[in-house]
PDB file of N, CA and C in Angstrom:
ATOM      1  N   MET A   1      22.738  -2.826   8.499  1.00  0.00           N
ATOM      2  CA  MET A   1      23.006  -3.330   9.699  1.00  0.00           C
ATOM      3  C   MET A   1      21.444  -3.507  10.196  1.00  0.00           C
ATOM      4  N   LEU A   2      21.232  -4.626  11.205  1.00  0.00           N
ATOM      5  CA  LEU A   2      20.230  -4.310  12.109  1.00  0.00           C
ATOM      6  C   LEU A   2      20.677  -4.659  13.526  1.00  0.00           C
ATOM      7  N   ASN A   3      21.748  -3.619  13.952  1.00  0.00           N
ATOM      8  CA  ASN A   3      22.186  -3.761  14.742  1.00  0.00           C
ATOM      9  C   ASN A   3      20.838  -3.237  16.262  1.00  0.00           C
ATOM     10  N   GLU A   4      21.247  -4.247  16.874  1.00  0.00           N
ATOM     11  CA  GLU A   4      20.804  -4.357  18.343  1.00  0.00           C
ATOM     12  C   GLU A   4      18.920  -4.915  18.390  1.00  0.00           C
ATOM     13  N   ARG A   5      18.262  -5.527  17.065  1.00  0.00           N
ATOM     14  CA  ARG A   5      16.744  -5.801  16.982  1.00  0.00           C
ATOM     15  C   ARG A   5      16.966  -7.247  17.377  1.00  0.00           C
ATOM     16  N   LYS A   6      16.159  -6.990  18.661  1.00  0.00           N
ATOM     17  CA  LYS A   6      15.641  -8.343  19.679  1.00  0.00           C
ATOM     18  C   LYS A   6      14.416  -9.455  18.180  1.00  0.00           C
ATOM     19  N   VAL A   7      15.030 -10.270  17.825  1.00  0.00           N
ATOM     20  CA  VAL A   7      14.837 -11.267  17.275  1.00  0.00           C
ATOM     21  C   VAL A   7      14.280 -12.657  17.832  1.00  0.00           C
ATOM     22  N   LEU A   8      12.922 -13.660  17.224  1.00  0.00           N
ATOM     23  CA  LEU A   8      12.573 -14.509  18.443  1.00  0.00           C
ATOM     24  C   LEU A   8      12.620 -15.295  16.358  1.00  0.00           C
ATOM     25  N   VAL A   9      13.383 -16.198  16.403  1.00  0.00           N
ATOM     26  CA  VAL A   9      13.393 -17.659  15.638  1.00  0.00           C
ATOM     27  C   VAL A   9      12.181 -18.934  16.295  1.00  0.00           C
ATOM     28  N   VAL A  10      11.305 -19.033  15.160  1.00  0.00           N
ATOM     29  CA  VAL A  10      10.820 -19.832  15.174  1.00  0.00           C
ATOM     30  C   VAL A  10      10.552 -21.409  14.789  1.00  0.00           C
ATOM     31  N   ASP A  11      11.264 -22.482  14.909  1.00  0.00           N
ATOM     32  CA  ASP A  11      11.284 -23.722  13.508  1.00  0.00           C
ATOM     33  C   ASP A  11      11.638 -24.873  14.047  1.00  0.00           C
ATOM     34  N   ASP A  12      10.903 -25.791  13.969  1.00  0.00           N
ATOM     35  CA  ASP A  12      11.161 -26.960  14.259  1.00  0.00           C
ATOM     36  C   ASP A  12      12.413 -27.652  13.745  1.00  0.00           C
ATOM     37  N   ASP A  13      12.913 -26.944  12.398  1.00  0.00           N
ATOM     38  CA  ASP A  13      13.818 -27.455  12.256  1.00  0.00           C
ATOM     39  C   ASP A  13      15.465 -27.230  12.382  1.00  0.00           C
ATOM     40  N   ARG A  14      16.403 -27.704  13.594  1.00  0.00           N
ATOM     41  CA  ARG A  14      17.229 -27.365  13.890  1.00  0.00           C
ATOM     42  C   ARG A  14      18.683 -26.837  12.891  1.00  0.00           C
ATOM     43  N   LEU A  15      18.278 -26.593  11.654  1.00  0.00           N
ATOM     44  CA  LEU A  15      19.378 -25.859  10.941  1.00  0.00           C
ATOM     45  C   LEU A  15      19.117 -25.425  10.450  1.00  0.00           C
ATOM     46  N   ILE A  16      18.181 -24.998  10.312  1.00  0.00           N
ATOM     47  CA  ILE A  16      17.151 -23.723   9.755  1.00  0.00           C
ATOM     48  C   ILE A  16      17.211 -22.208  10.931  1.00  0.00           C
ATOM     49  N   CYS A  17      17.051 -22.713  12.121  1.00  0.00           N
ATOM     50  CA  CYS A  17      17.030 -22.132  13.446  1.00  0.00           C
ATOM     51  C   CYS A  17      18.807 -21.318  13.560  1.00  0.00           C
ATOM     52  N   TRP A  18      19.515 -22.868  13.444  1.00  0.00           N
ATOM     53  CA  TRP A  18      21.291 -22.757  13.720  1.00  0.00           C
ATOM     54  C   TRP A  18      21.259 -21.116  12.635  1.00  0.00           C
ATOM     55  N   SER A  19      21.215 -21.883  11.124  1.00  0.00           N
ATOM     56  CA  SER A  19      21.722 -20.901  10.437  1.00  0.00           C
ATOM     57  C   SER A  19      21.309 -19.409  10.461  1.00  0.00           C
ATOM     58  N   LEU A  20      19.938 -19.424  11.098  1.00  0.00           N
ATOM     59  CA  LEU A  20      19.493 -17.524  11.024  1.00  0.00           C
ATOM     60  C   LEU A  20      20.336 -17.251  12.132  1.00  0.00           C
ATOM     61  N   GLU A  21      20.440 -17.849  13.128  1.00  0.00           N
ATOM     62  CA  GLU A  21      20.799 -17.550  14.447  1.00  0.00           C
ATOM     63  C   GLU A  21      22.182 -16.787  14.117  1.00  0.00           C
ATOM     64  N   LYS A  22      22.739 -17.624  13.267  1.00  0.00           N
ATOM     65  CA  LYS A  22      24.128 -17.324  13.137  1.00  0.00           C
ATOM     66  C   LYS A  22      24.602 -16.132  12.160  1.00  0.00           C
ATOM     67  N   ALA A  23      23.440 -16.024  11.738  1.00  0.00           N
ATOM     68  CA  ALA A  23      23.435 -14.702  10.295  1.00  0.00           C
ATOM     69  C   ALA A  23      22.688 -13.880  10.956  1.00  0.00           C
ATOM     70  N   LEU A  24      22.336 -13.425  12.166  1.00  0.00           N
ATOM     71  CA  LEU A  24      21.191 -12.510  12.078  1.00  0.00           C
ATOM     72  C   LEU A  24      22.449 -12.139  13.373  1.00  0.00           C
ATOM     73  N   LYS A  25      22.367 -12.552  14.074  1.00  0.00           N
ATOM     74  CA  LYS A  25      23.785 -12.453  15.524  1.00  0.00           C
ATOM     75  C   LYS A  25      25.170 -11.408  14.562  1.00  0.00           C
ATOM     76  N   LYS A  26      25.874 -11.712  13.257  1.00  0.00           N
ATOM     77  CA  LYS A  26      26.417 -11.670  13.223  1.00  0.00           C
ATOM     78  C   LYS A  26      26.139 -10.207  12.281  1.00  0.00           C
ATOM     79  N   ASP A  27      24.628  -9.974  12.060  1.00  0.00           N
ATOM     80  CA  ASP A  27      24.148  -8.354  11.674  1.00  0.00           C
ATOM     81  C   ASP A  27      23.895  -8.183  12.817  1.00  0.00           C
ATOM     82  N   GLY A  28      24.585  -7.916  14.037  1.00  0.00           N
ATOM     83  CA  GLY A  28      23.974  -6.546  15.097  1.00  0.00           C
ATOM     84  C   GLY A  28      22.913  -7.186  15.560  1.00  0.00           C
ATOM     85  N   CYS A  29      22.331  -8.462  16.016  1.00  0.00           N
ATOM     86  CA  CYS A  29      20.559  -8.744  16.161  1.00  0.00           C
ATOM     87  C   CYS A  29      21.080  -9.411  17.325  1.00  0.00           C
ATOM     88  N   GLU A  30      20.251  -9.060  18.596  1.00  0.00           N
ATOM     89  CA  GLU A  30      20.038 -10.159  19.598  1.00  0.00           C
ATOM     90  C   GLU A  30      18.332 -11.325  19.319  1.00  0.00           C
ATOM     91  N   VAL A  31      19.505 -12.856  19.367  1.00  0.00           N
ATOM     92  CA  VAL A  31      18.280 -13.756  18.423  1.00  0.00           C
ATOM     93  C   VAL A  31      18.365 -14.625  19.834  1.00  0.00           C
ATOM     94  N   SER A  32      16.712 -15.088  19.832  1.00  0.00           N
ATOM     95  CA  SER A  32      16.617 -15.994  20.473  1.00  0.00           C
ATOM     96  C   SER A  32      15.648 -17.048  19.648  1.00  0.00           C
ATOM     97  N   VAL A  33      15.758 -18.466  20.153  1.00  0.00           N
ATOM     98  CA  VAL A  33      15.545 -19.201  19.255  1.00  0.00           C
ATOM     99  C   VAL A  33      14.511 -20.540  20.374  1.00  0.00           C
ATOM    100  N   ALA A  34      12.778 -20.550  19.368  1.00  0.00           N
ATOM    101  CA  ALA A  34      11.767 -21.863  19.964  1.00  0.00           C
ATOM    102  C   ALA A  34      11.603 -22.081  18.753  1.00  0.00           C
ATOM    103  N   ARG A  35      11.586 -23.891  19.581  1.00  0.00           N
ATOM    104  CA  ARG A  35      11.822 -24.913  18.515  1.00  0.00           C
ATOM    105  C   ARG A  35      10.289 -25.001  18.519  1.00  0.00           C
ATOM    106  N   THR A  36       9.095 -24.477  19.134  1.00  0.00           N
ATOM    107  CA  THR A  36       7.860 -24.986  19.165  1.00  0.00           C
ATOM    108  C   THR A  36       7.639 -23.682  18.953  1.00  0.00           C
ATOM    109  N   GLY A  37       5.833 -23.434  19.182  1.00  0.00           N
ATOM    110  CA  GLY A  37       4.794 -22.488  19.083  1.00  0.00           C
ATOM    111  C   GLY A  37       4.734 -22.670  20.347  1.00  0.00           C
ATOM    112  N   GLU A  38       4.441 -23.438  21.050  1.00  0.00           N
ATOM    113  CA  GLU A  38       4.527 -23.149  22.061  1.00  0.00           C
ATOM    114  C   GLU A  38       5.316 -22.648  23.215  1.00  0.00           C
ATOM    115  N   GLU A  39       6.753 -23.044  22.677  1.00  0.00           N
ATOM    116  CA  GLU A  39       7.880 -21.829  23.229  1.00  0.00           C
ATOM    117  C   GLU A  39       8.067 -20.684  23.302  1.00  0.00           C
ATOM    118  N   ALA A  40       7.552 -20.446  21.601  1.00  0.00           N
ATOM    119  CA  ALA A  40       7.614 -18.973  20.886  1.00  0.00           C
ATOM    120  C   ALA A  40       5.982 -18.961  21.779  1.00  0.00           C
ATOM    121  N   ARG A  41       5.219 -18.764  22.159  1.00  0.00           N
ATOM    122  CA  ARG A  41       4.041 -18.415  23.349  1.00  0.00           C
ATOM    123  C   ARG A  41       5.217 -17.699  25.042  1.00  0.00           C
ATOM    124  N   GLU A  42       5.053 -18.799  24.964  1.00  0.00           N
ATOM    125  CA  GLU A  42       5.976 -18.385  26.394  1.00  0.00           C
ATOM    126  C   GLU A  42       7.047 -17.498  26.704  1.00  0.00           C
ATOM    127  N   ARG A  43       7.803 -17.020  25.184  1.00  0.00           N
ATOM    128  CA  ARG A  43       8.896 -16.263  24.977  1.00  0.00           C
ATOM    129  C   ARG A  43       8.270 -14.625  24.579  1.00  0.00           C
ATOM    130  N   LEU A  44       7.298 -15.293  24.136  1.00  0.00           N
ATOM    131  CA  LEU A  44       6.173 -13.425  23.522  1.00  0.00           C
ATOM    132  C   LEU A  44       5.906 -12.835  25.001  1.00  0.00           C
ATOM    133  N   GLU A  45       5.620 -13.949  26.021  1.00  0.00           N
ATOM    134  CA  GLU A  45       4.606 -13.280  26.750  1.00  0.00           C
ATOM    135  C   GLU A  45       5.666 -12.546  27.524  1.00  0.00           C
ATOM    136  N   ARG A  46       6.883 -13.271  27.362  1.00  0.00           N
ATOM    137  CA  ARG A  46       8.222 -12.475  28.274  1.00  0.00           C
ATOM    138  C   ARG A  46       9.237 -11.435  28.214  1.00  0.00           C
ATOM    139  N   ASP A  47       8.799 -11.177  27.455  1.00  0.00           N
ATOM    140  CA  ASP A  47       9.927 -10.503  26.127  1.00  0.00           C
ATOM    141  C   ASP A  47       9.246  -9.534  25.166  1.00  0.00           C
ATOM    142  N   ASP A  48       9.952  -8.714  25.041  1.00  0.00           N
ATOM    143  CA  ASP A  48       9.398  -8.109  23.742  1.00  0.00           C
ATOM    144  C   ASP A  48      10.598  -8.175  22.471  1.00  0.00           C
ATOM    145  N   PHE A  49       9.800  -8.336  21.170  1.00  0.00           N
ATOM    146  CA  PHE A  49      10.652  -8.426  20.139  1.00  0.00           C
ATOM    147  C   PHE A  49      10.367  -7.739  19.248  1.00  0.00           C
ATOM    148  N   ASP A  50      11.778  -7.117  18.106  1.00  0.00           N
ATOM    149  CA  ASP A  50      11.578  -6.371  17.273  1.00  0.00           C
ATOM    150  C   ASP A  50      10.778  -6.816  16.134  1.00  0.00           C
ATOM    151  N   LEU A  51      10.875  -8.464  15.169  1.00  0.00           N
ATOM    152  CA  LEU A  51      11.133  -8.869  15.009  1.00  0.00           C
ATOM    153  C   LEU A  51      11.058 -10.794  15.430  1.00  0.00           C
ATOM    154  N   VAL A  52       9.856 -11.300  15.138  1.00  0.00           N
ATOM    155  CA  VAL A  52       9.234 -12.868  15.154  1.00  0.00           C
ATOM    156  C   VAL A  52       9.407 -13.553  13.133  1.00  0.00           C
ATOM    157  N   ILE A  53      10.481 -14.601  13.518  1.00  0.00           N
ATOM    158  CA  ILE A  53      10.473 -15.731  12.577  1.00  0.00           C
ATOM    159  C   ILE A  53      10.327 -16.821  12.647  1.00  0.00           C
ATOM    160  N   THR A  54       8.881 -16.909  11.698  1.00  0.00           N
ATOM    161  CA  THR A  54       8.330 -18.296  11.985  1.00  0.00           C
ATOM    162  C   THR A  54       8.141 -19.081  10.894  1.00  0.00           C
ATOM    163  N   ASP A  55       8.089 -20.751  10.885  1.00  0.00           N
ATOM    164  CA  ASP A  55       8.045 -21.505   9.799  1.00  0.00           C
ATOM    165  C   ASP A  55       6.060 -21.864   9.865  1.00  0.00           C
ATOM    166  N   LEU A  56       5.815 -21.974   9.210  1.00  0.00           N
ATOM    167  CA  LEU A  56       4.050 -22.629   8.997  1.00  0.00           C
ATOM    168  C   LEU A  56       3.963 -23.826   9.837  1.00  0.00           C
ATOM    169  N   LYS A  57       4.371 -24.691   9.055  1.00  0.00           N
ATOM    170  CA  LYS A  57       4.132 -26.269   9.462  1.00  0.00           C
ATOM    171  C   LYS A  57       5.649 -26.881  10.884  1.00  0.00           C
ATOM    172  N   MET A  58       4.775 -26.812  11.846  1.00  0.00           N
ATOM    173  CA  MET A  58       5.440 -27.438  12.807  1.00  0.00           C
ATOM    174  C   MET A  58       4.716 -28.276  13.800  1.00  0.00           C
ATOM    175  N   PRO A  59       5.123 -29.066  14.390  1.00  0.00           N
ATOM    176  CA  PRO A  59       4.244 -30.163  15.171  1.00  0.00           C
ATOM    177  C   PRO A  59       3.459 -29.068  16.157  1.00  0.00           C
ATOM    178  N   GLY A  60       2.344 -29.905  16.958  1.00  0.00           N
ATOM    179  CA  GLY A  60       1.547 -28.760  18.172  1.00  0.00           C
ATOM    180  C   GLY A  60       1.343 -27.427  17.204  1.00  0.00           C
ATOM    181  N   MET A  61       1.416 -26.389  17.984  1.00  0.00           N
ATOM    182  CA  MET A  61       0.716 -24.863  17.173  1.00  0.00           C
ATOM    183  C   MET A  61       1.842 -24.570  16.143  1.00  0.00           C
ATOM    184  N   ASP A  62       0.945 -24.183  15.293  1.00  0.00           N
ATOM    185  CA  ASP A  62       1.844 -23.429  13.689  1.00  0.00           C
ATOM    186  C   ASP A  62       1.747 -22.012  13.940  1.00  0.00           C
ATOM    187  N   GLY A  63       2.901 -21.951  12.434  1.00  0.00           N
ATOM    188  CA  GLY A  63       3.204 -20.907  12.837  1.00  0.00           C
ATOM    189  C   GLY A  63       2.249 -19.780  12.639  1.00  0.00           C
ATOM    190  N   MET A  64       1.127 -19.981  12.208  1.00  0.00           N
ATOM    191  CA  MET A  64      -0.033 -18.694  12.207  1.00  0.00           C
ATOM    192  C   MET A  64      -0.665 -18.385  13.279  1.00  0.00           C
ATOM    193  N   GLU A  65      -1.120 -19.619  14.029  1.00  0.00           N
ATOM    194  CA  GLU A  65      -1.098 -19.289  15.551  1.00  0.00           C
ATOM    195  C   GLU A  65       0.048 -18.400  16.691  1.00  0.00           C
ATOM    196  N   VAL A  66       1.012 -18.727  15.784  1.00  0.00           N
ATOM    197  CA  VAL A  66       2.583 -18.157  16.128  1.00  0.00           C
ATOM    198  C   VAL A  66       1.883 -16.338  16.078  1.00  0.00           C
ATOM    199  N   LEU A  67       1.771 -16.494  14.749  1.00  0.00           N
ATOM    200  CA  LEU A  67       1.834 -15.093  14.113  1.00  0.00           C
ATOM    201  C   LEU A  67       0.010 -14.573  15.482  1.00  0.00           C
ATOM    202  N   GLU A  68      -0.586 -14.837  15.444  1.00  0.00           N
ATOM    203  CA  GLU A  68      -1.775 -14.308  15.993  1.00  0.00           C
ATOM    204  C   GLU A  68      -1.279 -14.351  17.841  1.00  0.00           C
ATOM    205  N   GLU A  69      -0.380 -14.879  18.157  1.00  0.00           N
ATOM    206  CA  GLU A  69       0.516 -14.462  19.692  1.00  0.00           C
ATOM    207  C   GLU A  69       1.218 -13.106  19.596  1.00  0.00           C
ATOM    208  N   VAL A  70       1.802 -12.753  18.185  1.00  0.00           N
ATOM    209  CA  VAL A  70       2.529 -11.959  18.325  1.00  0.00           C
ATOM    210  C   VAL A  70       2.032 -10.919  18.178  1.00  0.00           C
ATOM    211  N   ARG A  71       0.500 -10.801  17.577  1.00  0.00           N
ATOM    212  CA  ARG A  71      -0.293  -9.386  17.867  1.00  0.00           C
ATOM    213  C   ARG A  71      -0.517  -9.152  18.911  1.00  0.00           C
ATOM    214  N   ARG A  72      -1.144 -10.563  19.651  1.00  0.00           N
ATOM    215  CA  ARG A  72      -1.589 -10.233  21.187  1.00  0.00           C
ATOM    216  C   ARG A  72      -0.395  -9.834  21.903  1.00  0.00           C
ATOM    217  N   HIS A  73       0.928 -10.261  21.873  1.00  0.00           N
ATOM    218  CA  HIS A  73       2.189  -9.948  23.167  1.00  0.00           C
ATOM    219  C   HIS A  73       2.925  -8.828  22.167  1.00  0.00           C
ATOM    220  N   CYS A  74       3.163  -8.998  21.232  1.00  0.00           N
ATOM    221  CA  CYS A  74       3.748  -7.844  20.624  1.00  0.00           C
ATOM    222  C   CYS A  74       3.820  -7.166  19.472  1.00  0.00           C
ATOM    223  N   PRO A  75       2.273  -6.797  19.343  1.00  0.00           N
ATOM    224  CA  PRO A  75       1.860  -5.958  18.032  1.00  0.00           C
ATOM    225  C   PRO A  75       2.608  -5.227  17.079  1.00  0.00           C
ATOM    226  N   SER A  76       4.052  -4.208  17.904  1.00  0.00           N
ATOM    227  CA  SER A  76       4.578  -3.790  17.051  1.00  0.00           C
ATOM    228  C   SER A  76       6.105  -4.208  16.617  1.00  0.00           C
ATOM    229  N   ALA A  77       5.695  -5.851  16.797  1.00  0.00           N
ATOM    230  CA  ALA A  77       7.117  -6.457  16.308  1.00  0.00           C
ATOM    231  C   ALA A  77       6.931  -6.779  14.243  1.00  0.00           C
ATOM    232  N   ARG A  78       8.009  -7.425  13.811  1.00  0.00           N
ATOM    233  CA  ARG A  78       7.624  -7.326  12.731  1.00  0.00           C
ATOM    234  C   ARG A  78       7.255  -8.763  12.284  1.00  0.00           C
ATOM    235  N   SER A  79       6.839  -9.304  11.502  1.00  0.00           N
ATOM    236  CA  SER A  79       6.742 -11.000  11.416  1.00  0.00           C
ATOM    237  C   SER A  79       7.171 -11.914   9.904  1.00  0.00           C
ATOM    238  N   VAL A  80       7.603 -12.528   9.710  1.00  0.00           N
ATOM    239  CA  VAL A  80       7.820 -13.471   8.469  1.00  0.00           C
ATOM    240  C   VAL A  80       7.363 -14.843   8.960  1.00  0.00           C
ATOM    241  N   LEU A  81       6.765 -15.131   8.084  1.00  0.00           N
ATOM    242  CA  LEU A  81       6.233 -17.055   7.826  1.00  0.00           C
ATOM    243  C   LEU A  81       7.035 -17.328   6.905  1.00  0.00           C
ATOM    244  N   MET A  82       7.946 -18.519   7.332  1.00  0.00           N
ATOM    245  CA  MET A  82       8.610 -19.174   6.468  1.00  0.00           C
ATOM    246  C   MET A  82       7.337 -20.367   5.785  1.00  0.00           C
ATOM    247  N   THR A  83       7.341 -21.418   4.871  1.00  0.00           N
ATOM    248  CA  THR A  83       7.456 -21.955   4.715  1.00  0.00           C
ATOM    249  C   THR A  83       7.941 -23.153   3.316  1.00  0.00           C
ATOM    250  N   ALA A  84       7.899 -24.224   3.021  1.00  0.00           N
ATOM    251  CA  ALA A  84       8.214 -24.823   2.408  1.00  0.00           C
ATOM    252  C   ALA A  84       6.686 -25.252   1.349  1.00  0.00           C
ATOM    253  N   PHE A  85       5.497 -25.321   2.502  1.00  0.00           N
ATOM    254  CA  PHE A  85       4.340 -25.594   1.837  1.00  0.00           C
ATOM    255  C   PHE A  85       3.651 -24.203   1.275  1.00  0.00           C
ATOM    256  N   GLY A  86       4.144 -23.492   0.529  1.00  0.00           N
ATOM    257  CA  GLY A  86       3.621 -22.415  -0.437  1.00  0.00           C
ATOM    258  C   GLY A  86       2.680 -22.025  -0.943  1.00  0.00           C
ATOM    259  N   SER A  87       1.474 -21.131  -1.083  1.00  0.00           N
ATOM    260  CA  SER A  87      -0.289 -20.697  -2.166  1.00  0.00           C
ATOM    261  C   SER A  87       0.165 -19.609  -1.705  1.00  0.00           C
ATOM    262  N   GLY A  88      -0.861 -18.908  -2.493  1.00  0.00           N
ATOM    263  CA  GLY A  88      -1.189 -17.389  -2.721  1.00  0.00           C
ATOM    264  C   GLY A  88      -2.533 -17.367  -1.273  1.00  0.00           C
ATOM    265  N   GLU A  89      -2.830 -19.021  -0.820  1.00  0.00           N
ATOM    266  CA  GLU A  89      -3.637 -18.527  -0.182  1.00  0.00           C
ATOM    267  C   GLU A  89      -3.164 -18.779   1.682  1.00  0.00           C
ATOM    268  N   ILE A  90      -1.582 -19.084   2.108  1.00  0.00           N
ATOM    269  CA  ILE A  90      -0.655 -18.872   2.872  1.00  0.00           C
ATOM    270  C   ILE A  90      -0.511 -17.798   2.895  1.00  0.00           C
ATOM    271  N   SER A  91       0.031 -17.327   1.666  1.00  0.00           N
ATOM    272  CA  SER A  91       0.416 -15.784   1.667  1.00  0.00           C
ATOM    273  C   SER A  91      -0.402 -15.253   2.254  1.00  0.00           C
ATOM    274  N   LEU A  92      -1.724 -14.906   1.823  1.00  0.00           N
ATOM    275  CA  LEU A  92      -2.915 -13.848   1.940  1.00  0.00           C
ATOM    276  C   LEU A  92      -3.178 -13.822   3.623  1.00  0.00           C
ATOM    277  N   GLN A  93      -2.990 -15.444   4.132  1.00  0.00           N
ATOM    278  CA  GLN A  93      -3.108 -15.730   5.568  1.00  0.00           C
ATOM    279  C   GLN A  93      -1.950 -14.881   5.988  1.00  0.00           C
ATOM    280  N   ALA A  94      -0.471 -15.042   5.956  1.00  0.00           N
ATOM    281  CA  ALA A  94       0.370 -14.279   6.343  1.00  0.00           C
ATOM    282  C   ALA A  94      -0.252 -12.746   6.347  1.00  0.00           C
ATOM    283  N   GLU A  95      -0.272 -11.884   5.533  1.00  0.00           N
ATOM    284  CA  GLU A  95      -0.531 -10.812   5.260  1.00  0.00           C
ATOM    285  C   GLU A  95      -2.101 -10.132   6.560  1.00  0.00           C
ATOM    286  N   LYS A  96      -2.782 -11.023   6.421  1.00  0.00           N
ATOM    287  CA  LYS A  96      -3.837 -10.784   7.400  1.00  0.00           C
ATOM    288  C   LYS A  96      -2.947 -10.426   8.909  1.00  0.00           C
ATOM    289  N   TYR A  97      -2.035 -11.085   9.237  1.00  0.00           N
ATOM    290  CA  TYR A  97      -1.757 -10.882  10.207  1.00  0.00           C
ATOM    291  C   TYR A  97      -0.464  -9.652  10.823  1.00  0.00           C
ATOM    292  N   GLY A  98      -0.363  -8.981   9.242  1.00  0.00           N
ATOM    293  CA  GLY A  98       0.530  -8.669   9.093  1.00  0.00           C
ATOM    294  C   GLY A  98       2.190  -8.861   8.480  1.00  0.00           C
ATOM    295  N   ALA A  99       2.089 -10.166   8.091  1.00  0.00           N
ATOM    296  CA  ALA A  99       3.895 -10.923   8.625  1.00  0.00           C
ATOM    297  C   ALA A  99       3.997 -10.618   6.401  1.00  0.00           C
ATOM    298  N   SER A 100       5.379 -10.486   6.521  1.00  0.00           N
ATOM    299  CA  SER A 100       5.763 -10.818   4.949  1.00  0.00           C
ATOM    300  C   SER A 100       6.109 -12.119   4.907  1.00  0.00           C
ATOM    301  N   TYR A 101       5.997 -12.634   3.931  1.00  0.00           N
ATOM    302  CA  TYR A 101       6.214 -14.491   3.553  1.00  0.00           C
ATOM    303  C   TYR A 101       7.275 -14.826   3.055  1.00  0.00           C
ATOM    304  N   ILE A 102       7.995 -15.664   3.058  1.00  0.00           N
ATOM    305  CA  ILE A 102       8.882 -16.276   2.495  1.00  0.00           C
ATOM    306  C   ILE A 102       8.976 -17.468   1.968  1.00  0.00           C
ATOM    307  N   ALA A 103       9.493 -18.182   0.839  1.00  0.00           N
ATOM    308  CA  ALA A 103       9.318 -19.521   0.529  1.00  0.00           C
ATOM    309  C   ALA A 103      10.518 -20.157   0.934  1.00  0.00           C
ATOM    310  N   LYS A 104      10.410 -21.670   1.564  1.00  0.00           N
ATOM    311  CA  LYS A 104      11.373 -22.279   1.848  1.00  0.00           C
ATOM    312  C   LYS A 104      11.941 -23.075   0.341  1.00  0.00           C
ATOM    313  N   PRO A 105      12.891 -23.259  -0.119  1.00  0.00           N
ATOM    314  CA  PRO A 105      14.152 -22.990  -0.075  1.00  0.00           C
ATOM    315  C   PRO A 105      14.723 -21.228   0.388  1.00  0.00           C
ATOM    316  N   PHE A 106      15.598 -21.347   0.719  1.00  0.00           N
ATOM    317  CA  PHE A 106      16.069 -19.908   0.736  1.00  0.00           C
ATOM    318  C   PHE A 106      17.862 -19.483   0.939  1.00  0.00           C
ATOM    319  N   GLN A 107      18.241 -18.328   0.350  1.00  0.00           N
ATOM    320  CA  GLN A 107      19.383 -18.081   0.607  1.00  0.00           C
ATOM    321  C   GLN A 107      19.743 -17.668   1.626  1.00  0.00           C
ATOM    322  N   ILE A 108      20.240 -17.432   2.865  1.00  0.00           N
ATOM    323  CA  ILE A 108      20.142 -17.012   3.818  1.00  0.00           C
ATOM    324  C   ILE A 108      20.653 -15.381   3.431  1.00  0.00           C
ATOM    325  N   LYS A 109      21.735 -15.373   2.935  1.00  0.00           N
ATOM    326  CA  LYS A 109      22.099 -13.681   2.934  1.00  0.00           C
ATOM    327  C   LYS A 109      21.095 -13.231   2.422  1.00  0.00           C
ATOM    328  N   GLU A 110      20.079 -13.675   1.215  1.00  0.00           N
ATOM    329  CA  GLU A 110      19.362 -12.953   0.683  1.00  0.00           C
ATOM    330  C   GLU A 110      18.336 -12.858   1.636  1.00  0.00           C
ATOM    331  N   PHE A 111      17.604 -13.593   2.382  1.00  0.00           N
ATOM    332  CA  PHE A 111      16.645 -14.065   3.446  1.00  0.00           C
ATOM    333  C   PHE A 111      17.005 -12.264   4.882  1.00  0.00           C
ATOM    334  N   VAL A 112      18.707 -12.280   4.530  1.00  0.00           N
ATOM    335  CA  VAL A 112      18.692 -11.768   5.951  1.00  0.00           C
ATOM    336  C   VAL A 112      19.022  -9.929   5.328  1.00  0.00           C
ATOM    337  N   ASN A 113      19.066  -9.777   3.829  1.00  0.00           N
ATOM    338  CA  ASN A 113      18.761  -8.342   2.827  1.00  0.00           C
ATOM    339  C   ASN A 113      17.573  -7.885   3.275  1.00  0.00           C
ATOM    340  N   ASP A 114      16.837  -9.229   2.438  1.00  0.00           N
ATOM    341  CA  ASP A 114      15.128  -9.064   3.240  1.00  0.00           C
ATOM    342  C   ASP A 114      14.302  -8.375   4.214  1.00  0.00           C
ATOM    343  N   ILE A 115      15.168  -8.768   5.594  1.00  0.00           N
ATOM    344  CA  ILE A 115      14.717  -8.450   6.755  1.00  0.00           C
ATOM    345  C   ILE A 115      15.188  -6.775   6.777  1.00  0.00           C
ATOM    346  N   ARG A 116      16.898  -6.852   6.290  1.00  0.00           N
ATOM    347  CA  ARG A 116      16.744  -5.186   6.074  1.00  0.00           C
ATOM    348  C   ARG A 116      15.722  -4.657   5.569  1.00  0.00           C
ATOM    349  N   ARG A 117      16.072  -4.844   4.312  1.00  0.00           N
ATOM    350  CA  ARG A 117      15.131  -4.573   3.686  1.00  0.00           C
ATOM    351  C   ARG A 117      12.979  -3.690   4.993  1.00  0.00           C
ATOM    352  N   LEU A 118      12.773  -4.907   5.874  1.00  0.00           N
ATOM    353  CA  LEU A 118      11.413  -4.696   6.486  1.00  0.00           C
ATOM    354  C   LEU A 118      11.950  -3.071   7.441  1.00  0.00           C
ATOM    355  N   PHE A 119      13.455  -3.705   7.886  1.00  0.00           N
ATOM    356  CA  PHE A 119      13.104  -2.199   8.479  1.00  0.00           C
ATOM    357  C   PHE A 119      13.488  -0.882   8.229  1.00  0.00           C
ATOM    358  N   ASN A 120      14.275  -1.311   6.962  1.00  0.00           N
ATOM    359  CA  ASN A 120      14.913  -0.035   6.342  1.00  0.00           C
ATOM    360  C   ASN A 120      14.483   0.051   4.922  1.00  0.00           C
ATOM    361  N   PRO A 121      12.756   0.274   4.727  1.00  0.00           N
ATOM    362  CA  PRO A 121      12.681   0.087   3.403  1.00  0.00           C
ATOM    363  C   PRO A 121      13.159   1.133   1.900  1.00  0.00           C
TER     364      PRO A 121
END
């Protein structure tokens, strides 16, 4: 269980946000959702998070820029970069920011299990 972890989900896809929010809340997390990178930056400036899950490709500020903001405002937070446009290069860029990487599409149950392992290796 991920009891009481504060999580920020950043994705312009409503279904992904809804699915992750529902699954993570069921697992005991306090979940906030941002639909844009700019909205994520505002939330990161105001609140502390234990985990930030962000999509790579979004209009305006992309996921890599969100990861930069995570390092700036919540340096102890864990991060996960999601993308349907995966490559080894993107994975390496994510690692540069200390982020894990997951390719879309994914199974929500497996995704939540991966998140649990981030906090309980």
